[in-house]
Structures are given as structure tokens and as C-alpha cells.
PDB file of N, CA and C in Angstrom:
ATOM      1  N   UNK A   1      17.875  26.644  20.579  1.00  0.00           N
ATOM      2  CA  UNK A   1      17.384  27.039  19.278  1.00  0.00           C
ATOM      3  C   UNK A   1      18.329  26.559  18.174  1.00  0.00           C
ATOM      4  N   UNK A   2      19.621  26.740  18.388  1.00  0.00           N
ATOM      5  CA  UNK A   2      20.589  26.337  17.356  1.00  0.00           C
ATOM      6  C   UNK A   2      20.581  24.836  17.132  1.00  0.00           C
ATOM      7  N   UNK A   3      20.351  24.090  18.193  1.00  0.00           N
ATOM      8  CA  UNK A   3      20.302  22.632  18.044  1.00  0.00           C
ATOM      9  C   UNK A   3      19.098  22.223  17.194  1.00  0.00           C
ATOM     10  N   UNK A   4      17.983  22.909  17.367  1.00  0.00           N
ATOM     11  CA  UNK A   4      16.800  22.631  16.559  1.00  0.00           C
ATOM     12  C   UNK A   4      17.038  22.949  15.095  1.00  0.00           C
ATOM     13  N   UNK A   5      17.691  24.072  14.831  1.00  0.00           N
ATOM     14  CA  UNK A   5      18.010  24.437  13.448  1.00  0.00           C
ATOM     15  C   UNK A   5      18.986  23.435  12.823  1.00  0.00           C
ATOM     16  N   UNK A   6      19.961  23.007  13.608  1.00  0.00           N
ATOM     17  CA  UNK A   6      20.926  22.035  13.101  1.00  0.00           C
ATOM     18  C   UNK A   6      20.245  20.697  12.810  1.00  0.00           C
ATOM     19  N   UNK A   7      19.338  20.289  13.682  1.00  0.00           N
ATOM     20  CA  UNK A   7      18.623  19.032  13.463  1.00  0.00           C
ATOM     21  C   UNK A   7      17.750  19.119  12.215  1.00  0.00           C
ATOM     22  N   UNK A   8      17.083  20.254  12.027  1.00  0.00           N
ATOM     23  CA  UNK A   8      16.245  20.443  10.842  1.00  0.00           C
ATOM     24  C   UNK A   8      17.082  20.425   9.580  1.00  0.00           C
ATOM     25  N   UNK A   9      18.205  21.119   9.599  1.00  0.00           N
ATOM     26  CA  UNK A   9      19.089  21.140   8.437  1.00  0.00           C
ATOM     27  C   UNK A   9      19.601  19.739   8.124  1.00  0.00           C
ATOM     28  N   UNK A  10      19.987  19.002   9.151  1.00  0.00           N
ATOM     29  CA  UNK A  10      20.468  17.641   8.951  1.00  0.00           C
ATOM     30  C   UNK A  10      19.373  16.758   8.355  1.00  0.00           C
ATOM     31  N   UNK A  11      18.152  16.939   8.829  1.00  0.00           N
ATOM     32  CA  UNK A  11      17.018  16.137   8.351  1.00  0.00           C
ATOM     33  C   UNK A  11      16.776  16.389   6.865  1.00  0.00           C
ATOM     34  N   UNK A  12      16.746  17.675   6.458  1.00  0.00           N
ATOM     35  CA  UNK A  12      16.430  18.007   5.076  1.00  0.00           C
ATOM     36  C   UNK A  12      17.621  17.901   4.130  1.00  0.00           C
ATOM     37  N   UNK A  13      18.822  17.953   4.640  1.00  0.00           N
ATOM     38  CA  UNK A  13      20.009  17.870   3.788  1.00  0.00           C
ATOM     39  C   UNK A  13      20.653  16.488   3.792  1.00  0.00           C
ATOM     40  N   UNK A  14      19.944  15.513   4.336  1.00  0.00           N
ATOM     41  CA  UNK A  14      20.418  14.135   4.359  1.00  0.00           C
ATOM     42  C   UNK A  14      20.683  13.666   2.925  1.00  0.00           C
ATOM     43  N   UNK A  15      21.879  13.142   2.644  1.00  0.00           N
ATOM     44  CA  UNK A  15      22.191  12.737   1.270  1.00  0.00           C
ATOM     45  C   UNK A  15      21.359  11.565   0.760  1.00  0.00           C
ATOM     46  N   UNK A  16      20.843  10.736   1.655  1.00  0.00           N
ATOM     47  CA  UNK A  16      20.077   9.565   1.218  1.00  0.00           C
ATOM     48  C   UNK A  16      18.608   9.883   0.955  1.00  0.00           C
ATOM     49  N   UNK A  17      17.968  10.593   1.872  1.00  0.00           N
ATOM     50  CA  UNK A  17      16.524  10.826   1.744  1.00  0.00           C
ATOM     51  C   UNK A  17      16.146  12.295   1.723  1.00  0.00           C
ATOM     52  N   UNK A  18      17.109  13.191   1.725  1.00  0.00           N
ATOM     53  CA  UNK A  18      16.829  14.624   1.774  1.00  0.00           C
ATOM     54  C   UNK A  18      16.025  15.126   0.588  1.00  0.00           C
ATOM     55  N   UNK A  19      16.332  14.636  -0.613  1.00  0.00           N
ATOM     56  CA  UNK A  19      15.610  15.071  -1.808  1.00  0.00           C
ATOM     57  C   UNK A  19      14.131  14.721  -1.682  1.00  0.00           C
ATOM     58  N   UNK A  20      13.860  13.513  -1.242  1.00  0.00           N
ATOM     59  CA  UNK A  20      12.478  13.051  -1.067  1.00  0.00           C
ATOM     60  C   UNK A  20      11.759  13.882   0.006  1.00  0.00           C
ATOM     61  N   UNK A  21      12.440  14.183   1.093  1.00  0.00           N
ATOM     62  CA  UNK A  21      11.831  14.955   2.179  1.00  0.00           C
ATOM     63  C   UNK A  21      11.531  16.386   1.733  1.00  0.00           C
ATOM     64  N   UNK A  22      12.454  17.002   0.984  1.00  0.00           N
ATOM     65  CA  UNK A  22      12.219  18.363   0.498  1.00  0.00           C
ATOM     66  C   UNK A  22      11.062  18.389  -0.497  1.00  0.00           C
ATOM     67  N   UNK A  23      10.971  17.378  -1.354  1.00  0.00           N
ATOM     68  CA  UNK A  23       9.879  17.286  -2.324  1.00  0.00           C
ATOM     69  C   UNK A  23       8.543  17.157  -1.595  1.00  0.00           C
ATOM     70  N   UNK A  24       8.510  16.318  -0.562  1.00  0.00           N
ATOM     71  CA  UNK A  24       7.292  16.145   0.219  1.00  0.00           C
ATOM     72  C   UNK A  24       6.903  17.449   0.914  1.00  0.00           C
ATOM     73  N   UNK A  25       7.874  18.169   1.444  1.00  0.00           N
ATOM     74  CA  UNK A  25       7.600  19.443   2.101  1.00  0.00           C
ATOM     75  C   UNK A  25       7.029  20.457   1.116  1.00  0.00           C
ATOM     76  N   UNK A  26       7.607  20.518  -0.100  1.00  0.00           N
ATOM     77  CA  UNK A  26       7.085  21.438  -1.118  1.00  0.00           C
ATOM     78  C   UNK A  26       5.646  21.103  -1.476  1.00  0.00           C
ATOM     79  N   UNK A  27       5.330  19.815  -1.580  1.00  0.00           N
ATOM     80  CA  UNK A  27       3.956  19.400  -1.888  1.00  0.00           C
ATOM     81  C   UNK A  27       2.999  19.809  -0.772  1.00  0.00           C
ATOM     82  N   UNK A  28       3.411  19.612   0.469  1.00  0.00           N
ATOM     83  CA  UNK A  28       2.558  19.965   1.605  1.00  0.00           C
ATOM     84  C   UNK A  28       2.309  21.478   1.660  1.00  0.00           C
ATOM     85  N   UNK A  29       3.355  22.258   1.395  1.00  0.00           N
ATOM     86  CA  UNK A  29       3.206  23.716   1.408  1.00  0.00           C
ATOM     87  C   UNK A  29       2.274  24.158   0.294  1.00  0.00           C
ATOM     88  N   UNK A  30       2.425  23.584  -0.888  1.00  0.00           N
ATOM     89  CA  UNK A  30       1.549  23.931  -2.011  1.00  0.00           C
ATOM     90  C   UNK A  30       0.101  23.576  -1.693  1.00  0.00           C
ATOM     91  N   UNK A  31      -0.112  22.447  -1.049  1.00  0.00           N
ATOM     92  CA  UNK A  31      -1.470  22.024  -0.684  1.00  0.00           C
ATOM     93  C   UNK A  31      -2.079  22.985   0.341  1.00  0.00           C
ATOM     94  N   UNK A  32      -1.280  23.420   1.324  1.00  0.00           N
ATOM     95  CA  UNK A  32      -1.777  24.357   2.321  1.00  0.00           C
ATOM     96  C   UNK A  32      -2.096  25.713   1.678  1.00  0.00           C
ATOM     97  N   UNK A  33      -1.241  26.167   0.776  1.00  0.00           N
ATOM     98  CA  UNK A  33      -1.497  27.436   0.080  1.00  0.00           C
ATOM     99  C   UNK A  33      -2.787  27.365  -0.717  1.00  0.00           C
ATOM    100  N   UNK A  34      -2.965  26.270  -1.419  1.00  0.00           N
ATOM    101  CA  UNK A  34      -4.166  26.090  -2.222  1.00  0.00           C
ATOM    102  C   UNK A  34      -5.413  26.100  -1.339  1.00  0.00           C
ATOM    103  N   UNK A  35      -5.352  25.408  -0.215  1.00  0.00           N
ATOM    104  CA  UNK A  35      -6.482  25.374   0.709  1.00  0.00           C
ATOM    105  C   UNK A  35      -6.747  26.757   1.286  1.00  0.00           C
ATOM    106  N   UNK A  36      -5.697  27.504   1.579  1.00  0.00           N
ATOM    107  CA  UNK A  36      -5.860  28.854   2.101  1.00  0.00           C
ATOM    108  C   UNK A  36      -6.472  29.787   1.074  1.00  0.00           C
ATOM    109  N   UNK A  37      -6.019  29.680  -0.156  1.00  0.00           N
ATOM    110  CA  UNK A  37      -6.579  30.511  -1.215  1.00  0.00           C
ATOM    111  C   UNK A  37      -8.037  30.165  -1.455  1.00  0.00           C
ATOM    112  N   UNK A  38      -8.373  28.889  -1.409  1.00  0.00           N
ATOM    113  CA  UNK A  38      -9.758  28.464  -1.595  1.00  0.00           C
ATOM    114  C   UNK A  38     -10.629  28.990  -0.460  1.00  0.00           C
ATOM    115  N   UNK A  39     -10.136  28.923   0.763  1.00  0.00           N
ATOM    116  CA  UNK A  39     -10.898  29.425   1.908  1.00  0.00           C
ATOM    117  C   UNK A  39     -11.098  30.933   1.791  1.00  0.00           C
ATOM    118  N   UNK A  40     -10.077  31.623   1.322  1.00  0.00           N
ATOM    119  CA  UNK A  40     -10.176  33.071   1.141  1.00  0.00           C
ATOM    120  C   UNK A  40     -11.250  33.395   0.093  1.00  0.00           C
ATOM    121  N   UNK A  41     -11.297  32.622  -0.981  1.00  0.00           N
ATOM    122  CA  UNK A  41     -12.298  32.843  -2.010  1.00  0.00           C
ATOM    123  C   UNK A  41     -13.696  32.533  -1.506  1.00  0.00           C
ATOM    124  N   UNK A  42     -13.817  31.489  -0.699  1.00  0.00           N
ATOM    125  CA  UNK A  42     -15.126  31.094  -0.161  1.00  0.00           C
ATOM    126  C   UNK A  42     -15.697  32.155   0.774  1.00  0.00           C
ATOM    127  N   UNK A  43     -14.846  32.792   1.544  1.00  0.00           N
ATOM    128  CA  UNK A  43     -15.322  33.796   2.503  1.00  0.00           C
ATOM    129  C   UNK A  43     -15.590  35.137   1.845  1.00  0.00           C
ATOM    130  N   UNK A  44     -15.007  35.391   0.669  1.00  0.00           N
ATOM    131  CA  UNK A  44     -15.204  36.679   0.024  1.00  0.00           C
ATOM    132  C   UNK A  44     -16.495  36.720  -0.796  1.00  0.00           C
ATOM    133  N   UNK A  45     -17.153  35.584  -0.955  1.00  0.00           N
ATOM    134  CA  UNK A  45     -18.401  35.551  -1.721  1.00  0.00           C
ATOM    135  C   UNK A  45     -19.532  36.087  -0.949  1.00  0.00           C
TER     136      UNK A  45
END
């Protein structure tokens, strides 16, 4: 488990591409949230 966490931290904290990877992750999370909220609204009608 610790090795997985260390690998993830290294991936996202990479000085060369970490900023880009974190930005992409934030966009993906926002897109999933939006889709979830839309699905919730569609089912409540």
C-alpha cells in the first residue's frame, strides 16, 4: 500500500509535469461531478 501511495505522490509531484497532471485530474473530477449532478437531476424528475 505504501509503495502505491509513494508512486502516486511521485507521479503528481513531479517537478516537470506534475502541474499539468494535477490540472488534468482536477478537470476530470469536475467533469465527473457535473455528470453525477446531471444524472441526479434527471432521475429526480
